[in-house]
Amino acid sequence: GREKRIASEKAYISVGASSYQLPLKYRDRTVEIYLTTHKLFIFDLYTQKEIIAYELSPVPGRTLSKREHGREMEKPAQELKTFVSEMFESENWKSFTAKNFKTFSRYVRDQCLEAKRYFLAKDIDRDILEQALEYCLKNDTLSFSNLNDTYIYFKRASQGPDEIIKEIQRLERQYQGVHEPLDVNERSLSVYKELVGKGKGALI
């Protein structure tokens, strides 16, 4: 069956006497592993999707990594910072990235990878991103993870009220109580009044 492992600060897990690298976003996170005679399969704990697979090292004490996971880390920090700073032309984006790099100066590469993961390949709503940037700048929540969470919140909030209003309008059009709507016209009202009047006369 599968077993759980906690990745290290540098996103490695130990299996047997060797270490195997995961993508950086799995640093300090729990993953699941499955071992066969010759292979190691690693899965995301929550999505259950396979993250990566390795041939098990026959030599104990080895550290194994996939080239693509280390490629971004090999780039000069300044190159990554420049790329991330220019992902959007917004002044708020430039201000946020500058403060982010200053606040997390020891983890610039990690922050750049987060920025690219959260905001590069997605269809980003620029207006909502501006709202999220303004909020994060105002509240000094300056990691790209914070920004992503805030963006998601504002996006849901922007969709929510409209959907609620549409639903209310739909219900108002459709709802008529448990019975079919009555066709109350002038004639039926006059008949009703006449009957009421006769009733009063009978009581006198």
N, C-alpha and C. Protein backbone atom coordinates (compact mmCIF):
# COMPACT_ATOMS: atom_id res chain seq x y z
N GLY A 1 0.82 -1.20 0.00
CA GLY A 1 0.00 0.00 0.00
C GLY A 1 0.85 1.25 0.00
N ARG A 2 0.19 2.38 0.05
CA ARG A 2 0.91 3.66 0.06
C ARG A 2 1.35 4.03 1.47
N GLU A 3 2.43 4.78 1.52
CA GLU A 3 2.94 5.29 2.79
C GLU A 3 3.08 6.80 2.70
N LYS A 4 3.02 7.46 3.84
CA LYS A 4 3.18 8.91 3.87
C LYS A 4 4.63 9.27 4.17
N ARG A 5 5.07 10.36 3.56
CA ARG A 5 6.39 10.91 3.82
C ARG A 5 6.28 12.43 3.88
N ILE A 6 7.10 13.05 4.71
CA ILE A 6 7.13 14.51 4.79
C ILE A 6 8.38 14.99 4.06
N ALA A 7 8.20 15.86 3.08
CA ALA A 7 9.34 16.39 2.33
C ALA A 7 10.14 17.35 3.21
N SER A 8 11.42 17.42 2.94
CA SER A 8 12.29 18.30 3.71
C SER A 8 12.13 19.76 3.28
N GLU A 9 12.87 20.64 3.93
CA GLU A 9 12.84 22.07 3.59
C GLU A 9 13.28 22.30 2.15
N LYS A 10 14.08 21.39 1.62
CA LYS A 10 14.54 21.52 0.23
C LYS A 10 13.78 20.59 -0.71
N ALA A 11 12.64 20.07 -0.22
CA ALA A 11 11.73 19.26 -1.04
C ALA A 11 12.29 17.89 -1.41
N TYR A 12 13.00 17.29 -0.48
CA TYR A 12 13.47 15.91 -0.67
C TYR A 12 12.74 14.98 0.30
N ILE A 13 12.52 13.75 -0.14
CA ILE A 13 12.03 12.72 0.78
C ILE A 13 13.04 11.59 0.84
N SER A 14 13.10 10.93 1.98
CA SER A 14 14.02 9.81 2.15
C SER A 14 13.26 8.50 1.97
N VAL A 15 13.79 7.66 1.13
CA VAL A 15 13.23 6.33 0.91
C VAL A 15 14.40 5.36 0.92
N GLY A 16 14.34 4.39 1.83
CA GLY A 16 15.50 3.54 2.00
C GLY A 16 16.64 4.39 2.54
N ALA A 17 17.76 4.33 1.91
CA ALA A 17 18.90 5.13 2.36
C ALA A 17 19.22 6.26 1.39
N SER A 18 18.30 6.55 0.47
CA SER A 18 18.54 7.60 -0.53
C SER A 18 17.48 8.70 -0.44
N SER A 19 17.78 9.84 -1.05
CA SER A 19 16.87 10.98 -1.06
C SER A 19 16.41 11.27 -2.48
N TYR A 20 15.14 11.65 -2.60
CA TYR A 20 14.55 11.90 -3.92
C TYR A 20 13.89 13.28 -3.91
N GLN A 21 14.17 14.06 -4.95
CA GLN A 21 13.67 15.43 -4.99
C GLN A 21 12.26 15.52 -5.56
N LEU A 22 11.46 16.42 -4.96
CA LEU A 22 10.12 16.75 -5.45
C LEU A 22 10.13 18.18 -5.98
N PRO A 23 9.09 18.60 -6.68
CA PRO A 23 8.97 20.02 -7.03
C PRO A 23 8.98 20.86 -5.76
N LEU A 24 9.50 22.06 -5.85
CA LEU A 24 9.71 22.89 -4.66
C LEU A 24 8.44 23.21 -3.88
N LYS A 25 7.30 23.20 -4.57
CA LYS A 25 6.06 23.55 -3.85
C LYS A 25 5.70 22.51 -2.78
N TYR A 26 6.38 21.35 -2.81
CA TYR A 26 6.10 20.32 -1.81
C TYR A 26 7.04 20.37 -0.61
N ARG A 27 7.81 21.44 -0.50
CA ARG A 27 8.68 21.61 0.68
C ARG A 27 7.85 21.53 1.95
N ASP A 28 8.32 20.75 2.92
CA ASP A 28 7.68 20.63 4.24
C ASP A 28 6.24 20.13 4.17
N ARG A 29 5.87 19.51 3.06
CA ARG A 29 4.51 18.98 2.92
C ARG A 29 4.50 17.46 2.92
N THR A 30 3.38 16.90 3.31
CA THR A 30 3.23 15.44 3.34
C THR A 30 2.78 14.93 1.98
N VAL A 31 3.43 13.89 1.51
CA VAL A 31 3.05 13.25 0.25
C VAL A 31 2.87 11.76 0.52
N GLU A 32 2.38 11.06 -0.48
CA GLU A 32 2.26 9.61 -0.37
C GLU A 32 3.20 8.94 -1.37
N ILE A 33 3.77 7.81 -0.97
CA ILE A 33 4.66 7.08 -1.88
C ILE A 33 4.14 5.65 -2.05
N TYR A 34 4.48 5.08 -3.19
CA TYR A 34 4.16 3.67 -3.46
C TYR A 34 5.41 3.03 -4.06
N LEU A 35 5.83 1.93 -3.47
CA LEU A 35 7.06 1.27 -3.90
C LEU A 35 6.76 -0.04 -4.61
N THR A 36 7.46 -0.25 -5.72
CA THR A 36 7.49 -1.57 -6.35
C THR A 36 8.93 -2.08 -6.19
N THR A 37 9.23 -3.16 -6.81
CA THR A 37 10.58 -3.73 -6.66
C THR A 37 11.65 -2.77 -7.15
N HIS A 38 11.36 -2.05 -8.23
CA HIS A 38 12.39 -1.21 -8.84
C HIS A 38 12.02 0.27 -8.95
N LYS A 39 10.77 0.62 -8.61
CA LYS A 39 10.35 2.01 -8.84
C LYS A 39 9.72 2.63 -7.60
N LEU A 40 9.83 3.96 -7.55
CA LEU A 40 9.20 4.77 -6.51
C LEU A 40 8.21 5.71 -7.19
N PHE A 41 6.96 5.66 -6.76
CA PHE A 41 5.93 6.57 -7.26
C PHE A 41 5.52 7.51 -6.13
N ILE A 42 5.44 8.80 -6.43
CA ILE A 42 5.10 9.79 -5.40
C ILE A 42 3.82 10.50 -5.81
N PHE A 43 2.89 10.61 -4.85
CA PHE A 43 1.57 11.16 -5.14
C PHE A 43 1.25 12.36 -4.25
N ASP A 44 0.48 13.30 -4.79
CA ASP A 44 -0.05 14.40 -3.99
C ASP A 44 -1.05 13.83 -2.99
N LEU A 45 -0.91 14.24 -1.74
CA LEU A 45 -1.76 13.69 -0.68
C LEU A 45 -3.23 14.01 -0.89
N TYR A 46 -3.51 15.19 -1.45
CA TYR A 46 -4.90 15.65 -1.54
C TYR A 46 -5.55 15.34 -2.89
N THR A 47 -4.83 15.57 -3.96
CA THR A 47 -5.41 15.32 -5.28
C THR A 47 -5.26 13.86 -5.71
N GLN A 48 -4.33 13.16 -5.06
CA GLN A 48 -4.02 11.76 -5.38
C GLN A 48 -3.39 11.59 -6.76
N LYS A 49 -2.97 12.70 -7.36
CA LYS A 49 -2.31 12.61 -8.66
C LYS A 49 -0.83 12.29 -8.48
N GLU A 50 -0.29 11.57 -9.46
CA GLU A 50 1.14 11.26 -9.40
C GLU A 50 1.95 12.53 -9.63
N ILE A 51 2.89 12.77 -8.74
CA ILE A 51 3.77 13.94 -8.87
C ILE A 51 4.97 13.59 -9.73
N ILE A 52 5.57 12.47 -9.42
CA ILE A 52 6.81 12.08 -10.10
C ILE A 52 7.10 10.61 -9.80
N ALA A 53 7.92 10.01 -10.62
CA ALA A 53 8.33 8.62 -10.40
C ALA A 53 9.84 8.51 -10.60
N TYR A 54 10.47 7.66 -9.82
CA TYR A 54 11.91 7.44 -9.91
C TYR A 54 12.21 5.94 -10.01
N GLU A 55 13.30 5.62 -10.69
CA GLU A 55 13.89 4.30 -10.56
C GLU A 55 14.59 4.27 -9.20
N LEU A 56 14.32 3.26 -8.40
CA LEU A 56 14.96 3.19 -7.09
C LEU A 56 16.48 3.05 -7.23
N SER A 57 17.18 3.79 -6.41
CA SER A 57 18.64 3.75 -6.48
C SER A 57 19.15 2.44 -5.86
N PRO A 58 19.96 1.71 -6.60
CA PRO A 58 20.55 0.48 -6.04
C PRO A 58 21.71 0.80 -5.10
N VAL A 59 22.16 2.06 -5.15
CA VAL A 59 23.30 2.48 -4.32
C VAL A 59 22.78 3.32 -3.16
N PRO A 60 22.96 2.89 -1.91
CA PRO A 60 22.47 3.66 -0.76
C PRO A 60 23.21 4.99 -0.61
N GLY A 61 22.52 5.96 -0.04
CA GLY A 61 23.14 7.25 0.24
C GLY A 61 23.12 8.23 -0.91
N ARG A 62 22.47 7.89 -2.00
CA ARG A 62 22.45 8.79 -3.15
C ARG A 62 21.36 9.85 -3.01
N THR A 63 21.56 10.98 -3.66
CA THR A 63 20.54 12.04 -3.74
C THR A 63 20.15 12.17 -5.20
N LEU A 64 18.88 11.88 -5.49
CA LEU A 64 18.43 11.89 -6.88
C LEU A 64 17.48 13.06 -7.12
N SER A 65 17.60 13.66 -8.30
CA SER A 65 16.72 14.77 -8.65
C SER A 65 16.44 14.72 -10.14
N LYS A 66 15.33 15.33 -10.52
CA LYS A 66 14.99 15.46 -11.93
C LYS A 66 15.50 16.82 -12.42
N ARG A 67 16.10 16.82 -13.58
CA ARG A 67 16.73 18.03 -14.09
C ARG A 67 15.77 19.21 -14.13
N GLU A 68 14.50 18.98 -14.54
CA GLU A 68 13.59 20.10 -14.72
C GLU A 68 13.26 20.80 -13.40
N HIS A 69 13.37 20.06 -12.27
CA HIS A 69 13.06 20.67 -10.99
C HIS A 69 14.17 21.60 -10.53
N GLY A 70 15.38 21.32 -10.96
CA GLY A 70 16.49 22.17 -10.55
C GLY A 70 16.78 23.30 -11.51
N ARG A 71 16.16 23.24 -12.70
CA ARG A 71 16.50 24.20 -13.75
C ARG A 71 16.23 25.64 -13.32
N GLU A 72 15.04 25.88 -12.75
CA GLU A 72 14.71 27.24 -12.32
C GLU A 72 15.65 27.72 -11.23
N MET A 73 16.05 26.79 -10.35
CA MET A 73 16.92 27.18 -9.24
C MET A 73 18.32 27.53 -9.71
N GLU A 74 18.68 27.08 -10.91
CA GLU A 74 20.01 27.37 -11.42
C GLU A 74 20.11 28.77 -12.03
N LYS A 75 18.96 29.36 -12.35
CA LYS A 75 18.98 30.70 -12.94
C LYS A 75 19.43 31.73 -11.91
N PRO A 76 20.14 32.76 -12.34
CA PRO A 76 20.51 33.83 -11.41
C PRO A 76 19.27 34.47 -10.81
N ALA A 77 19.34 34.82 -9.53
CA ALA A 77 18.19 35.41 -8.84
C ALA A 77 17.72 36.67 -9.55
N GLN A 78 18.67 37.48 -10.03
CA GLN A 78 18.29 38.73 -10.68
C GLN A 78 17.49 38.49 -11.95
N GLU A 79 17.83 37.43 -12.67
CA GLU A 79 17.09 37.09 -13.89
C GLU A 79 15.65 36.72 -13.56
N LEU A 80 15.47 35.94 -12.50
CA LEU A 80 14.13 35.56 -12.07
C LEU A 80 13.34 36.78 -11.60
N LYS A 81 13.99 37.64 -10.83
CA LYS A 81 13.32 38.85 -10.31
C LYS A 81 12.86 39.75 -11.45
N THR A 82 13.71 39.92 -12.44
CA THR A 82 13.36 40.78 -13.58
C THR A 82 12.18 40.20 -14.34
N PHE A 83 12.21 38.90 -14.55
CA PHE A 83 11.11 38.25 -15.27
C PHE A 83 9.79 38.43 -14.54
N VAL A 84 9.79 38.16 -13.23
CA VAL A 84 8.56 38.26 -12.44
C VAL A 84 8.07 39.70 -12.38
N SER A 85 8.98 40.64 -12.22
CA SER A 85 8.59 42.06 -12.15
C SER A 85 7.89 42.52 -13.41
N GLU A 86 8.23 41.90 -14.54
CA GLU A 86 7.68 42.34 -15.83
C GLU A 86 6.50 41.47 -16.30
N MET A 87 6.01 40.59 -15.44
CA MET A 87 4.88 39.74 -15.83
C MET A 87 3.62 40.56 -16.09
N PHE A 88 3.45 41.64 -15.32
CA PHE A 88 2.32 42.56 -15.52
C PHE A 88 2.86 43.98 -15.51
N GLU A 89 2.20 44.86 -16.26
CA GLU A 89 2.67 46.25 -16.38
C GLU A 89 2.16 47.14 -15.26
N SER A 90 1.26 46.64 -14.44
CA SER A 90 0.65 47.41 -13.37
C SER A 90 1.68 47.97 -12.39
N GLU A 91 1.48 49.21 -11.98
CA GLU A 91 2.36 49.82 -10.99
C GLU A 91 2.25 49.09 -9.65
N ASN A 92 1.03 48.66 -9.33
CA ASN A 92 0.84 47.91 -8.08
C ASN A 92 1.61 46.59 -8.11
N TRP A 93 1.63 45.95 -9.27
CA TRP A 93 2.40 44.70 -9.40
C TRP A 93 3.88 44.96 -9.18
N LYS A 94 4.40 46.02 -9.79
CA LYS A 94 5.83 46.33 -9.64
C LYS A 94 6.15 46.68 -8.18
N SER A 95 5.24 47.42 -7.55
CA SER A 95 5.44 47.77 -6.14
C SER A 95 5.40 46.53 -5.25
N PHE A 96 4.45 45.65 -5.55
CA PHE A 96 4.32 44.43 -4.75
C PHE A 96 5.56 43.55 -4.90
N THR A 97 6.01 43.35 -6.14
CA THR A 97 7.18 42.48 -6.35
C THR A 97 8.42 43.06 -5.67
N ALA A 98 8.59 44.38 -5.73
CA ALA A 98 9.74 45.01 -5.09
C ALA A 98 9.72 44.77 -3.57
N LYS A 99 8.54 44.94 -2.97
CA LYS A 99 8.42 44.72 -1.53
C LYS A 99 8.57 43.25 -1.18
N ASN A 100 8.05 42.39 -2.05
CA ASN A 100 8.18 40.95 -1.83
C ASN A 100 9.64 40.54 -1.82
N PHE A 101 10.40 41.00 -2.80
CA PHE A 101 11.81 40.63 -2.90
C PHE A 101 12.61 41.15 -1.70
N LYS A 102 12.21 42.32 -1.19
CA LYS A 102 12.90 42.89 -0.03
C LYS A 102 12.54 42.12 1.24
N THR A 103 11.25 41.79 1.38
CA THR A 103 10.78 41.08 2.58
C THR A 103 11.31 39.66 2.64
N PHE A 104 11.33 39.00 1.48
CA PHE A 104 11.76 37.60 1.43
C PHE A 104 13.09 37.47 0.69
N SER A 105 14.03 38.30 1.05
CA SER A 105 15.30 38.36 0.32
C SER A 105 16.05 37.03 0.35
N ARG A 106 15.86 36.25 1.40
CA ARG A 106 16.55 34.95 1.49
C ARG A 106 15.85 33.88 0.66
N TYR A 107 14.62 34.16 0.24
CA TYR A 107 13.83 33.16 -0.48
C TYR A 107 13.33 33.68 -1.82
N VAL A 108 14.13 34.53 -2.45
CA VAL A 108 13.70 35.16 -3.70
C VAL A 108 13.35 34.12 -4.76
N ARG A 109 14.18 33.11 -4.92
CA ARG A 109 13.90 32.10 -5.95
C ARG A 109 12.57 31.40 -5.69
N ASP A 110 12.34 31.04 -4.44
CA ASP A 110 11.07 30.37 -4.10
C ASP A 110 9.88 31.27 -4.41
N GLN A 111 10.01 32.56 -4.07
CA GLN A 111 8.92 33.50 -4.33
C GLN A 111 8.69 33.67 -5.83
N CYS A 112 9.76 33.70 -6.59
CA CYS A 112 9.62 33.83 -8.05
C CYS A 112 8.92 32.62 -8.65
N LEU A 113 9.26 31.44 -8.15
CA LEU A 113 8.61 30.23 -8.64
C LEU A 113 7.13 30.23 -8.29
N GLU A 114 6.79 30.74 -7.09
CA GLU A 114 5.38 30.85 -6.71
C GLU A 114 4.65 31.83 -7.62
N ALA A 115 5.28 32.96 -7.90
CA ALA A 115 4.65 33.96 -8.78
C ALA A 115 4.35 33.36 -10.14
N LYS A 116 5.30 32.63 -10.68
CA LYS A 116 5.11 32.03 -12.01
C LYS A 116 4.05 30.93 -11.97
N ARG A 117 4.04 30.17 -10.88
CA ARG A 117 3.07 29.08 -10.78
C ARG A 117 1.64 29.62 -10.64
N TYR A 118 1.47 30.68 -9.85
CA TYR A 118 0.13 31.20 -9.58
C TYR A 118 -0.40 32.13 -10.67
N PHE A 119 0.50 32.90 -11.31
CA PHE A 119 0.01 34.00 -12.15
C PHE A 119 0.48 33.99 -13.60
N LEU A 120 1.33 33.05 -13.98
CA LEU A 120 1.86 33.09 -15.34
C LEU A 120 0.99 32.33 -16.33
N ALA A 121 0.56 31.14 -15.98
CA ALA A 121 -0.13 30.29 -16.95
C ALA A 121 -1.64 30.36 -16.86
N LYS A 122 -2.16 31.19 -15.98
CA LYS A 122 -3.61 31.27 -15.78
C LYS A 122 -4.20 32.45 -16.54
N ASP A 123 -5.52 32.38 -16.74
CA ASP A 123 -6.25 33.49 -17.34
C ASP A 123 -6.60 34.45 -16.22
N ILE A 124 -5.73 35.41 -15.98
CA ILE A 124 -5.87 36.30 -14.83
C ILE A 124 -6.77 37.48 -15.16
N ASP A 125 -7.75 37.75 -14.29
CA ASP A 125 -8.60 38.93 -14.42
C ASP A 125 -7.81 40.11 -13.86
N ARG A 126 -7.44 41.04 -14.73
CA ARG A 126 -6.55 42.13 -14.32
C ARG A 126 -7.20 43.04 -13.27
N ASP A 127 -8.50 43.29 -13.39
CA ASP A 127 -9.18 44.16 -12.42
C ASP A 127 -9.17 43.54 -11.03
N ILE A 128 -9.44 42.24 -10.98
CA ILE A 128 -9.44 41.56 -9.68
C ILE A 128 -8.03 41.47 -9.13
N LEU A 129 -7.05 41.26 -10.00
CA LEU A 129 -5.66 41.24 -9.55
C LEU A 129 -5.28 42.58 -8.93
N GLU A 130 -5.75 43.68 -9.53
CA GLU A 130 -5.48 45.01 -8.98
C GLU A 130 -6.06 45.14 -7.57
N GLN A 131 -7.29 44.65 -7.40
CA GLN A 131 -7.91 44.69 -6.07
C GLN A 131 -7.07 43.91 -5.06
N ALA A 132 -6.64 42.73 -5.47
CA ALA A 132 -5.85 41.87 -4.58
C ALA A 132 -4.51 42.53 -4.25
N LEU A 133 -3.89 43.13 -5.24
CA LEU A 133 -2.60 43.81 -5.02
C LEU A 133 -2.76 44.96 -4.04
N GLU A 134 -3.80 45.77 -4.24
CA GLU A 134 -4.04 46.91 -3.35
C GLU A 134 -4.26 46.44 -1.91
N TYR A 135 -5.03 45.37 -1.76
CA TYR A 135 -5.31 44.84 -0.43
C TYR A 135 -4.02 44.34 0.24
N CYS A 136 -3.23 43.58 -0.50
CA CYS A 136 -2.01 43.01 0.07
C CYS A 136 -0.98 44.09 0.40
N LEU A 137 -0.88 45.09 -0.46
CA LEU A 137 0.04 46.20 -0.19
C LEU A 137 -0.38 46.97 1.05
N LYS A 138 -1.68 47.19 1.18
CA LYS A 138 -2.21 47.93 2.33
C LYS A 138 -2.00 47.17 3.63
N ASN A 139 -2.13 45.85 3.57
CA ASN A 139 -2.07 45.03 4.79
C ASN A 139 -0.72 44.34 5.00
N ASP A 140 0.25 44.66 4.14
CA ASP A 140 1.59 44.07 4.26
C ASP A 140 1.57 42.55 4.27
N THR A 141 0.70 41.97 3.46
CA THR A 141 0.72 40.51 3.25
C THR A 141 1.41 40.30 1.91
N LEU A 142 2.71 40.10 1.96
CA LEU A 142 3.54 40.33 0.78
C LEU A 142 4.10 39.08 0.11
N SER A 143 3.64 37.90 0.49
CA SER A 143 4.10 36.71 -0.24
C SER A 143 3.18 36.47 -1.44
N PHE A 144 3.67 35.76 -2.43
CA PHE A 144 2.84 35.47 -3.60
C PHE A 144 1.74 34.46 -3.26
N SER A 145 1.97 33.68 -2.22
CA SER A 145 0.91 32.79 -1.74
C SER A 145 -0.24 33.61 -1.16
N ASN A 146 0.10 34.64 -0.37
CA ASN A 146 -0.92 35.57 0.16
C ASN A 146 -1.68 36.23 -0.98
N LEU A 147 -0.95 36.68 -1.97
CA LEU A 147 -1.58 37.37 -3.11
C LEU A 147 -2.52 36.43 -3.85
N ASN A 148 -2.09 35.20 -4.04
CA ASN A 148 -2.94 34.23 -4.73
C ASN A 148 -4.22 33.96 -3.95
N ASP A 149 -4.09 33.77 -2.63
CA ASP A 149 -5.28 33.54 -1.79
C ASP A 149 -6.23 34.73 -1.86
N THR A 150 -5.67 35.94 -1.82
CA THR A 150 -6.49 37.15 -1.87
C THR A 150 -7.16 37.30 -3.22
N TYR A 151 -6.44 36.99 -4.28
CA TYR A 151 -7.01 37.04 -5.63
C TYR A 151 -8.19 36.08 -5.75
N ILE A 152 -8.02 34.86 -5.25
CA ILE A 152 -9.10 33.87 -5.31
C ILE A 152 -10.31 34.36 -4.53
N TYR A 153 -10.07 34.97 -3.36
CA TYR A 153 -11.18 35.48 -2.54
C TYR A 153 -11.96 36.56 -3.29
N PHE A 154 -11.24 37.53 -3.84
CA PHE A 154 -11.91 38.63 -4.56
C PHE A 154 -12.62 38.12 -5.81
N LYS A 155 -12.05 37.12 -6.45
CA LYS A 155 -12.70 36.58 -7.65
C LYS A 155 -14.02 35.92 -7.29
N ARG A 156 -14.01 35.14 -6.21
CA ARG A 156 -15.25 34.50 -5.77
C ARG A 156 -16.27 35.55 -5.34
N ALA A 157 -15.81 36.58 -4.63
CA ALA A 157 -16.72 37.63 -4.17
C ALA A 157 -17.34 38.36 -5.34
N SER A 158 -16.55 38.56 -6.40
CA SER A 158 -17.07 39.28 -7.57
C SER A 158 -18.12 38.46 -8.31
N GLN A 159 -17.99 37.15 -8.25
CA GLN A 159 -18.96 36.28 -8.93
C GLN A 159 -20.19 36.04 -8.08
N GLY A 160 -19.98 35.99 -6.75
CA GLY A 160 -21.06 35.63 -5.85
C GLY A 160 -22.30 36.50 -5.92
N PRO A 161 -22.19 37.81 -5.65
CA PRO A 161 -23.38 38.67 -5.63
C PRO A 161 -24.17 38.63 -6.94
N ASP A 162 -23.48 38.65 -8.07
CA ASP A 162 -24.18 38.61 -9.36
C ASP A 162 -24.99 37.33 -9.50
N GLU A 163 -24.37 36.22 -9.09
CA GLU A 163 -25.06 34.94 -9.21
C GLU A 163 -26.28 34.90 -8.28
N ILE A 164 -26.12 35.49 -7.09
CA ILE A 164 -27.23 35.52 -6.14
C ILE A 164 -28.38 36.35 -6.68
N ILE A 165 -28.05 37.53 -7.25
CA ILE A 165 -29.08 38.40 -7.81
C ILE A 165 -29.81 37.71 -8.95
N LYS A 166 -29.06 37.05 -9.82
CA LYS A 166 -29.68 36.32 -10.94
C LYS A 166 -30.63 35.25 -10.42
N GLU A 167 -30.19 34.56 -9.37
CA GLU A 167 -31.01 33.49 -8.82
C GLU A 167 -32.30 34.05 -8.22
N ILE A 168 -32.19 35.17 -7.50
CA ILE A 168 -33.38 35.81 -6.91
C ILE A 168 -34.35 36.24 -7.99
N GLN A 169 -33.82 36.86 -9.05
CA GLN A 169 -34.68 37.30 -10.15
C GLN A 169 -35.38 36.12 -10.81
N ARG A 170 -34.66 35.03 -10.96
CA ARG A 170 -35.25 33.83 -11.56
C ARG A 170 -36.37 33.29 -10.68
N LEU A 171 -36.11 33.27 -9.38
CA LEU A 171 -37.12 32.76 -8.45
C LEU A 171 -38.35 33.67 -8.42
N GLU A 172 -38.11 34.99 -8.48
CA GLU A 172 -39.24 35.92 -8.48
C GLU A 172 -40.13 35.71 -9.69
N ARG A 173 -39.53 35.39 -10.82
CA ARG A 173 -40.32 35.15 -12.03
C ARG A 173 -41.09 33.85 -11.93
N GLN A 174 -40.48 32.87 -11.28
CA GLN A 174 -41.07 31.53 -11.29
C GLN A 174 -41.99 31.26 -10.12
N TYR A 175 -41.69 31.83 -8.95
CA TYR A 175 -42.41 31.42 -7.75
C TYR A 175 -43.82 31.98 -7.71
N GLN A 176 -44.81 31.09 -7.54
CA GLN A 176 -46.21 31.51 -7.43
C GLN A 176 -46.88 30.80 -6.25
N GLY A 177 -46.14 30.32 -5.31
CA GLY A 177 -46.73 29.56 -4.23
C GLY A 177 -46.96 28.12 -4.66
N VAL A 178 -47.71 27.39 -3.84
CA VAL A 178 -47.90 25.96 -4.11
C VAL A 178 -49.00 25.70 -5.13
N HIS A 179 -49.84 26.71 -5.41
CA HIS A 179 -50.93 26.53 -6.37
C HIS A 179 -50.64 27.31 -7.64
N GLU A 180 -51.38 27.02 -8.69
CA GLU A 180 -51.31 27.81 -9.91
C GLU A 180 -51.77 29.22 -9.61
N PRO A 181 -51.18 30.24 -10.23
CA PRO A 181 -51.61 31.62 -9.97
C PRO A 181 -53.06 31.83 -10.38
N LEU A 182 -53.78 32.55 -9.55
CA LEU A 182 -55.19 32.84 -9.84
C LEU A 182 -55.30 34.02 -10.78
N ASP A 183 -56.22 33.93 -11.73
CA ASP A 183 -56.45 35.03 -12.67
C ASP A 183 -57.53 35.94 -12.07
N VAL A 184 -57.10 36.90 -11.26
CA VAL A 184 -58.03 37.80 -10.58
C VAL A 184 -58.24 39.02 -11.45
N ASN A 185 -59.42 39.15 -12.08
CA ASN A 185 -59.70 40.32 -12.92
C ASN A 185 -60.79 41.17 -12.27
N GLU A 186 -61.17 42.27 -12.94
CA GLU A 186 -62.15 43.20 -12.38
C GLU A 186 -63.48 42.52 -12.10
N ARG A 187 -63.90 41.66 -13.01
CA ARG A 187 -65.21 41.01 -12.86
C ARG A 187 -65.25 40.14 -11.60
N SER A 188 -64.21 39.37 -11.40
CA SER A 188 -64.22 38.49 -10.24
C SER A 188 -64.21 39.29 -8.94
N LEU A 189 -63.54 40.44 -8.96
CA LEU A 189 -63.53 41.29 -7.77
C LEU A 189 -64.92 41.87 -7.50
N SER A 190 -65.61 42.30 -8.56
CA SER A 190 -66.95 42.88 -8.38
C SER A 190 -67.93 41.83 -7.88
N VAL A 191 -67.78 40.62 -8.39
CA VAL A 191 -68.65 39.53 -7.91
C VAL A 191 -68.39 39.27 -6.44
N TYR A 192 -67.11 39.30 -6.07
CA TYR A 192 -66.73 39.07 -4.68
C TYR A 192 -67.33 40.14 -3.78
N LYS A 193 -67.27 41.43 -4.21
CA LYS A 193 -67.82 42.53 -3.42
C LYS A 193 -69.34 42.38 -3.27
N GLU A 194 -69.98 41.97 -4.35
CA GLU A 194 -71.44 41.81 -4.32
C GLU A 194 -71.85 40.73 -3.32
N LEU A 195 -71.11 39.65 -3.32
CA LEU A 195 -71.40 38.57 -2.38
C LEU A 195 -71.20 39.00 -0.94
N VAL A 196 -70.15 39.79 -0.72
CA VAL A 196 -69.89 40.30 0.63
C VAL A 196 -71.03 41.21 1.07
N GLY A 197 -71.50 42.09 0.12
CA GLY A 197 -72.59 43.01 0.44
C GLY A 197 -73.87 42.27 0.80
N LYS A 198 -74.18 41.23 0.06
CA LYS A 198 -75.39 40.43 0.34
C LYS A 198 -75.28 39.76 1.69
N GLY A 199 -74.10 39.35 2.01
CA GLY A 199 -73.90 38.69 3.30
C GLY A 199 -74.16 39.64 4.45
N LYS A 200 -73.69 40.90 4.27
CA LYS A 200 -73.91 41.89 5.31
C LYS A 200 -75.39 42.16 5.49
N GLY A 201 -76.16 42.26 4.34
CA GLY A 201 -77.60 42.53 4.39
C GLY A 201 -78.35 41.43 5.11
N ALA A 202 -77.90 40.23 4.92
CA ALA A 202 -78.59 39.09 5.55
C ALA A 202 -78.41 39.10 7.06
N LEU A 203 -77.32 39.73 7.50
CA LEU A 203 -77.05 39.73 8.93
C LEU A 203 -77.81 40.84 9.66
N ILE A 204 -78.27 41.87 8.90
CA ILE A 204 -78.93 43.01 9.55
C ILE A 204 -80.35 42.65 9.94
